[in-house]
PDB file of N, CA and C in Angstrom:
ATOM      1  N   MET A   1      80.646 -78.831  39.008  1.00  0.00           N
ATOM      2  CA  MET A   1      80.459 -78.160  40.266  1.00  0.00           C
ATOM      3  C   MET A   1      79.750 -79.104  41.228  1.00  0.00           C
ATOM      4  N   LEU A   2      80.258 -79.236  42.413  1.00  0.00           N
ATOM      5  CA  LEU A   2      79.648 -80.086  43.421  1.00  0.00           C
ATOM      6  C   LEU A   2      78.617 -79.301  44.213  1.00  0.00           C
ATOM      7  N   SER A   3      77.526 -79.952  44.557  1.00  0.00           N
ATOM      8  CA  SER A   3      76.465 -79.310  45.326  1.00  0.00           C
ATOM      9  C   SER A   3      76.014 -80.238  46.432  1.00  0.00           C
ATOM     10  N   VAL A   4      75.644 -79.639  47.533  1.00  0.00           N
ATOM     11  CA  VAL A   4      75.019 -80.399  48.607  1.00  0.00           C
ATOM     12  C   VAL A   4      73.543 -80.476  48.270  1.00  0.00           C
ATOM     13  N   VAL A   5      73.022 -81.703  48.234  1.00  0.00           N
ATOM     14  CA  VAL A   5      71.618 -81.901  47.890  1.00  0.00           C
ATOM     15  C   VAL A   5      70.859 -82.286  49.156  1.00  0.00           C
ATOM     16  N   ASN A   6      69.792 -81.551  49.416  1.00  0.00           N
ATOM     17  CA  ASN A   6      68.955 -81.828  50.579  1.00  0.00           C
ATOM     18  C   ASN A   6      68.100 -83.066  50.312  1.00  0.00           C
ATOM     19  N   ALA A   7      67.462 -83.567  51.335  1.00  0.00           N
ATOM     20  CA  ALA A   7      66.640 -84.772  51.230  1.00  0.00           C
ATOM     21  C   ALA A   7      65.512 -84.593  50.212  1.00  0.00           C
ATOM     22  N   ASP A   8      65.035 -83.365  50.045  1.00  0.00           N
ATOM     23  CA  ASP A   8      63.934 -83.131  49.096  1.00  0.00           C
ATOM     24  C   ASP A   8      64.424 -82.884  47.666  1.00  0.00           C
ATOM     25  N   GLY A   9      65.735 -83.020  47.417  1.00  0.00           N
ATOM     26  CA  GLY A   9      66.286 -82.852  46.081  1.00  0.00           C
ATOM     27  C   GLY A   9      66.652 -81.422  45.743  1.00  0.00           C
ATOM     28  N   SER A  10      66.537 -80.521  46.711  1.00  0.00           N
ATOM     29  CA  SER A  10      66.876 -79.127  46.452  1.00  0.00           C
ATOM     30  C   SER A  10      68.319 -78.849  46.877  1.00  0.00           C
ATOM     31  N   THR A  11      68.856 -77.766  46.371  1.00  0.00           N
ATOM     32  CA  THR A  11      70.194 -77.307  46.746  1.00  0.00           C
ATOM     33  C   THR A  11      70.064 -75.911  47.329  1.00  0.00           C
ATOM     34  N   GLN A  12      71.173 -75.326  47.739  1.00  0.00           N
ATOM     35  CA  GLN A  12      71.151 -73.979  48.321  1.00  0.00           C
ATOM     36  C   GLN A  12      70.606 -72.968  47.310  1.00  0.00           C
ATOM     37  N   SER A  13      70.890 -73.189  46.024  1.00  0.00           N
ATOM     38  CA  SER A  13      70.441 -72.243  45.001  1.00  0.00           C
ATOM     39  C   SER A  13      69.112 -72.642  44.367  1.00  0.00           C
ATOM     40  N   GLY A  14      68.452 -73.665  44.876  1.00  0.00           N
ATOM     41  CA  GLY A  14      67.159 -74.089  44.334  1.00  0.00           C
ATOM     42  C   GLY A  14      67.162 -75.558  43.992  1.00  0.00           C
ATOM     43  N   SER A  15      66.452 -75.907  42.953  1.00  0.00           N
ATOM     44  CA  SER A  15      66.308 -77.292  42.529  1.00  0.00           C
ATOM     45  C   SER A  15      67.592 -77.794  41.864  1.00  0.00           C
ATOM     46  N   LEU A  16      67.974 -79.008  42.164  1.00  0.00           N
ATOM     47  CA  LEU A  16      69.164 -79.605  41.562  1.00  0.00           C
ATOM     48  C   LEU A  16      69.001 -79.715  40.049  1.00  0.00           C
ATOM     49  N   ILE A  17      67.833 -80.086  39.580  1.00  0.00           N
ATOM     50  CA  ILE A  17      67.625 -80.220  38.138  1.00  0.00           C
ATOM     51  C   ILE A  17      67.764 -78.866  37.441  1.00  0.00           C
ATOM     52  N   ASN A  18      67.264 -77.799  38.073  1.00  0.00           N
ATOM     53  CA  ASN A  18      67.418 -76.461  37.495  1.00  0.00           C
ATOM     54  C   ASN A  18      68.889 -76.078  37.420  1.00  0.00           C
ATOM     55  N   GLU A  19      69.642 -76.424  38.422  1.00  0.00           N
ATOM     56  CA  GLU A  19      71.077 -76.128  38.451  1.00  0.00           C
ATOM     57  C   GLU A  19      71.801 -76.885  37.330  1.00  0.00           C
ATOM     58  N   ILE A  20      71.454 -78.153  37.134  1.00  0.00           N
ATOM     59  CA  ILE A  20      72.072 -78.966  36.090  1.00  0.00           C
ATOM     60  C   ILE A  20      71.739 -78.398  34.708  1.00  0.00           C
ATOM     61  N   VAL A  21      70.486 -78.051  34.494  1.00  0.00           N
ATOM     62  CA  VAL A  21      70.060 -77.500  33.202  1.00  0.00           C
ATOM     63  C   VAL A  21      70.754 -76.165  32.940  1.00  0.00           C
ATOM     64  N   ARG A  22      70.831 -75.317  33.946  1.00  0.00           N
ATOM     65  CA  ARG A  22      71.474 -74.011  33.792  1.00  0.00           C
ATOM     66  C   ARG A  22      72.940 -74.176  33.406  1.00  0.00           C
ATOM     67  N   GLU A  23      73.644 -75.066  34.084  1.00  0.00           N
ATOM     68  CA  GLU A  23      75.062 -75.300  33.780  1.00  0.00           C
ATOM     69  C   GLU A  23      75.238 -75.889  32.382  1.00  0.00           C
ATOM     70  N   GLY A  24      74.327 -76.750  31.975  1.00  0.00           N
ATOM     71  CA  GLY A  24      74.415 -77.357  30.651  1.00  0.00           C
ATOM     72  C   GLY A  24      74.107 -76.370  29.537  1.00  0.00           C
ATOM     73  N   ALA A  25      73.227 -75.420  29.802  1.00  0.00           N
ATOM     74  CA  ALA A  25      72.817 -74.457  28.780  1.00  0.00           C
ATOM     75  C   ALA A  25      73.782 -73.283  28.654  1.00  0.00           C
ATOM     76  N   ARG A  26      74.594 -73.054  29.637  1.00  0.00           N
ATOM     77  CA  ARG A  26      75.468 -71.880  29.655  1.00  0.00           C
ATOM     78  C   ARG A  26      76.357 -71.758  28.412  1.00  0.00           C
ATOM     79  N   PRO A  27      76.996 -72.825  27.912  1.00  0.00           N
ATOM     80  CA  PRO A  27      77.863 -72.664  26.735  1.00  0.00           C
ATOM     81  C   PRO A  27      77.113 -72.569  25.398  1.00  0.00           C
ATOM     82  N   MET A  28      75.820 -72.796  25.383  1.00  0.00           N
ATOM     83  CA  MET A  28      75.078 -72.835  24.115  1.00  0.00           C
ATOM     84  C   MET A  28      75.108 -71.525  23.338  1.00  0.00           C
ATOM     85  N   PRO A  29      74.844 -70.362  23.958  1.00  0.00           N
ATOM     86  CA  PRO A  29      74.879 -69.120  23.168  1.00  0.00           C
ATOM     87  C   PRO A  29      76.246 -68.852  22.540  1.00  0.00           C
ATOM     88  N   ALA A  30      77.316 -69.119  23.251  1.00  0.00           N
ATOM     89  CA  ALA A  30      78.660 -68.905  22.705  1.00  0.00           C
ATOM     90  C   ALA A  30      78.917 -69.833  21.526  1.00  0.00           C
ATOM     91  N   ALA A  31      78.497 -71.072  21.628  1.00  0.00           N
ATOM     92  CA  ALA A  31      78.691 -72.026  20.536  1.00  0.00           C
ATOM     93  C   ALA A  31      77.866 -71.624  19.315  1.00  0.00           C
ATOM     94  N   ALA A  32      76.649 -71.145  19.544  1.00  0.00           N
ATOM     95  CA  ALA A  32      75.798 -70.717  18.426  1.00  0.00           C
ATOM     96  C   ALA A  32      76.399 -69.492  17.731  1.00  0.00           C
ATOM     97  N   LEU A  33      76.908 -68.553  18.507  1.00  0.00           N
ATOM     98  CA  LEU A  33      77.523 -67.363  17.929  1.00  0.00           C
ATOM     99  C   LEU A  33      78.779 -67.722  17.144  1.00  0.00           C
ATOM    100  N   GLU A  34      79.584 -68.617  17.679  1.00  0.00           N
ATOM    101  CA  GLU A  34      80.792 -69.049  16.979  1.00  0.00           C
ATOM    102  C   GLU A  34      80.444 -69.715  15.649  1.00  0.00           C
ATOM    103  N   ALA A  35      79.417 -70.548  15.651  1.00  0.00           N
ATOM    104  CA  ALA A  35      78.993 -71.215  14.415  1.00  0.00           C
ATOM    105  C   ALA A  35      78.502 -70.195  13.392  1.00  0.00           C
ATOM    106  N   GLU A  36      77.772 -69.182  13.856  1.00  0.00           N
ATOM    107  CA  GLU A  36      77.262 -68.156  12.949  1.00  0.00           C
ATOM    108  C   GLU A  36      78.407 -67.338  12.346  1.00  0.00           C
ATOM    109  N   VAL A  37      79.397 -66.989  13.160  1.00  0.00           N
ATOM    110  CA  VAL A  37      80.553 -66.241  12.664  1.00  0.00           C
ATOM    111  C   VAL A  37      81.330 -67.081  11.656  1.00  0.00           C
ATOM    112  N   ASN A  38      81.541 -68.345  11.949  1.00  0.00           N
ATOM    113  CA  ASN A  38      82.261 -69.227  11.020  1.00  0.00           C
ATOM    114  C   ASN A  38      81.530 -69.348   9.686  1.00  0.00           C
ATOM    115  N   GLN A  39      80.209 -69.456   9.733  1.00  0.00           N
ATOM    116  CA  GLN A  39      79.419 -69.549   8.500  1.00  0.00           C
ATOM    117  C   GLN A  39      79.543 -68.248   7.708  1.00  0.00           C
ATOM    118  N   TYR A  40      79.464 -67.112   8.374  1.00  0.00           N
ATOM    119  CA  TYR A  40      79.572 -65.807   7.718  1.00  0.00           C
ATOM    120  C   TYR A  40      80.939 -65.659   7.051  1.00  0.00           C
ATOM    121  N   MET A  41      81.983 -66.036   7.776  1.00  0.00           N
ATOM    122  CA  MET A  41      83.338 -65.934   7.234  1.00  0.00           C
ATOM    123  C   MET A  41      83.508 -66.854   6.025  1.00  0.00           C
ATOM    124  N   ALA A  42      82.948 -68.053   6.075  1.00  0.00           N
ATOM    125  CA  ALA A  42      83.053 -68.990   4.953  1.00  0.00           C
ATOM    126  C   ALA A  42      82.300 -68.461   3.727  1.00  0.00           C
ATOM    127  N   GLU A  43      81.149 -67.833   3.976  1.00  0.00           N
ATOM    128  CA  GLU A  43      80.345 -67.291   2.885  1.00  0.00           C
ATOM    129  C   GLU A  43      81.084 -66.202   2.115  1.00  0.00           C
ATOM    130  N   PHE A  44      81.828 -65.375   2.836  1.00  0.00           N
ATOM    131  CA  PHE A  44      82.483 -64.227   2.229  1.00  0.00           C
ATOM    132  C   PHE A  44      84.001 -64.366   2.148  1.00  0.00           C
ATOM    133  N   ALA A  45      84.497 -65.586   2.222  1.00  0.00           N
ATOM    134  CA  ALA A  45      85.947 -65.825   2.227  1.00  0.00           C
ATOM    135  C   ALA A  45      86.612 -65.304   0.955  1.00  0.00           C
ATOM    136  N   ALA A  46      85.925 -65.331  -0.161  1.00  0.00           N
ATOM    137  CA  ALA A  46      86.513 -64.906  -1.424  1.00  0.00           C
ATOM    138  C   ALA A  46      86.436 -63.395  -1.639  1.00  0.00           C
ATOM    139  N   GLU A  47      85.670 -62.696  -0.816  1.00  0.00           N
ATOM    140  CA  GLU A  47      85.522 -61.244  -0.943  1.00  0.00           C
ATOM    141  C   GLU A  47      86.758 -60.551  -0.392  1.00  0.00           C
ATOM    142  N   THR A  48      87.436 -59.772  -1.217  1.00  0.00           N
ATOM    143  CA  THR A  48      88.637 -59.054  -0.774  1.00  0.00           C
ATOM    144  C   THR A  48      88.573 -57.592  -1.175  1.00  0.00           C
ATOM    145  N   ASP A  49      89.395 -56.782  -0.499  1.00  0.00           N
ATOM    146  CA  ASP A  49      89.489 -55.374  -0.868  1.00  0.00           C
ATOM    147  C   ASP A  49      90.572 -55.203  -1.930  1.00  0.00           C
ATOM    148  N   GLU A  50      90.903 -53.960  -2.243  1.00  0.00           N
ATOM    149  CA  GLU A  50      91.875 -53.703  -3.310  1.00  0.00           C
ATOM    150  C   GLU A  50      93.275 -54.212  -2.975  1.00  0.00           C
ATOM    151  N   ARG A  51      93.547 -54.477  -1.689  1.00  0.00           N
ATOM    152  CA  ARG A  51      94.860 -55.015  -1.285  1.00  0.00           C
ATOM    153  C   ARG A  51      94.872 -56.540  -1.244  1.00  0.00           C
ATOM    154  N   GLY A  52      93.726 -57.154  -1.520  1.00  0.00           N
ATOM    155  CA  GLY A  52      93.637 -58.606  -1.477  1.00  0.00           C
ATOM    156  C   GLY A  52      93.348 -59.152  -0.093  1.00  0.00           C
ATOM    157  N   ILE A  53      92.948 -58.269   0.817  1.00  0.00           N
ATOM    158  CA  ILE A  53      92.638 -58.682   2.188  1.00  0.00           C
ATOM    159  C   ILE A  53      91.133 -58.893   2.303  1.00  0.00           C
ATOM    160  N   ALA A  54      90.751 -59.953   2.987  1.00  0.00           N
ATOM    161  CA  ALA A  54      89.329 -60.224   3.187  1.00  0.00           C
ATOM    162  C   ALA A  54      88.699 -58.995   3.835  1.00  0.00           C
ATOM    163  N   TRP A  55      87.628 -58.477   3.267  1.00  0.00           N
ATOM    164  CA  TRP A  55      87.049 -57.222   3.729  1.00  0.00           C
ATOM    165  C   TRP A  55      86.464 -57.322   5.133  1.00  0.00           C
ATOM    166  N   TRP A  56      86.139 -58.524   5.580  1.00  0.00           N
ATOM    167  CA  TRP A  56      85.547 -58.701   6.901  1.00  0.00           C
ATOM    168  C   TRP A  56      86.585 -58.932   7.982  1.00  0.00           C
ATOM    169  N   SER A  57      87.877 -58.969   7.635  1.00  0.00           N
ATOM    170  CA  SER A  57      88.896 -59.261   8.628  1.00  0.00           C
ATOM    171  C   SER A  57      89.231 -58.019   9.459  1.00  0.00           C
ATOM    172  N   ALA A  58      89.751 -58.242  10.643  1.00  0.00           N
ATOM    173  CA  ALA A  58      90.132 -57.140  11.530  1.00  0.00           C
ATOM    174  C   ALA A  58      91.232 -56.292  10.893  1.00  0.00           C
ATOM    175  N   SER A  59      92.151 -56.927  10.178  1.00  0.00           N
ATOM    176  CA  SER A  59      93.250 -56.167   9.567  1.00  0.00           C
ATOM    177  C   SER A  59      92.743 -55.255   8.468  1.00  0.00           C
ATOM    178  N   ALA A  60      91.686 -55.667   7.766  1.00  0.00           N
ATOM    179  CA  ALA A  60      91.126 -54.814   6.720  1.00  0.00           C
ATOM    180  C   ALA A  60      90.405 -53.622   7.339  1.00  0.00           C
ATOM    181  N   ALA A  61      89.714 -53.877   8.449  1.00  0.00           N
ATOM    182  CA  ALA A  61      88.929 -52.816   9.094  1.00  0.00           C
ATOM    183  C   ALA A  61      89.819 -51.798   9.783  1.00  0.00           C
ATOM    184  N   THR A  62      90.952 -52.229  10.336  1.00  0.00           N
ATOM    185  CA  THR A  62      91.799 -51.318  11.103  1.00  0.00           C
ATOM    186  C   THR A  62      92.993 -50.827  10.335  1.00  0.00           C
ATOM    187  N   GLY A  63      93.283 -51.441   9.190  1.00  0.00           N
ATOM    188  CA  GLY A  63      94.457 -51.053   8.416  1.00  0.00           C
ATOM    189  C   GLY A  63      95.730 -51.701   8.920  1.00  0.00           C
ATOM    190  N   CYS A  64      95.617 -52.625   9.858  1.00  0.00           N
ATOM    191  CA  CYS A  64      96.801 -53.335  10.378  1.00  0.00           C
ATOM    192  C   CYS A  64      97.387 -54.223   9.283  1.00  0.00           C
ATOM    193  N   GLY A  65      98.643 -54.444   9.349  1.00  0.00           N
ATOM    194  CA  GLY A  65      99.300 -55.352   8.418  1.00  0.00           C
ATOM    195  C   GLY A  65      99.597 -54.750   7.066  1.00  0.00           C
ATOM    196  N   GLN A  66      99.577 -53.428   6.974  1.00  0.00           N
ATOM    197  CA  GLN A  66      99.847 -52.779   5.677  1.00  0.00           C
ATOM    198  C   GLN A  66     101.324 -52.789   5.372  1.00  0.00           C
TER     199      GLN A  66
END
């Protein structure tokens, strides 16, 4: 994102450094959640229901794919 920087280093939305940090931090929660979900799925990959479907999968929870 391009910003106009004033002589004092500020932008329309505040400090340029704050804007840079905010933009850099924005994807962090999504990446952390994705890593946690992947770890959970790997931990329980061998767990299946009576049909042989992973119990944590969407198809097992909704009955899709029967």
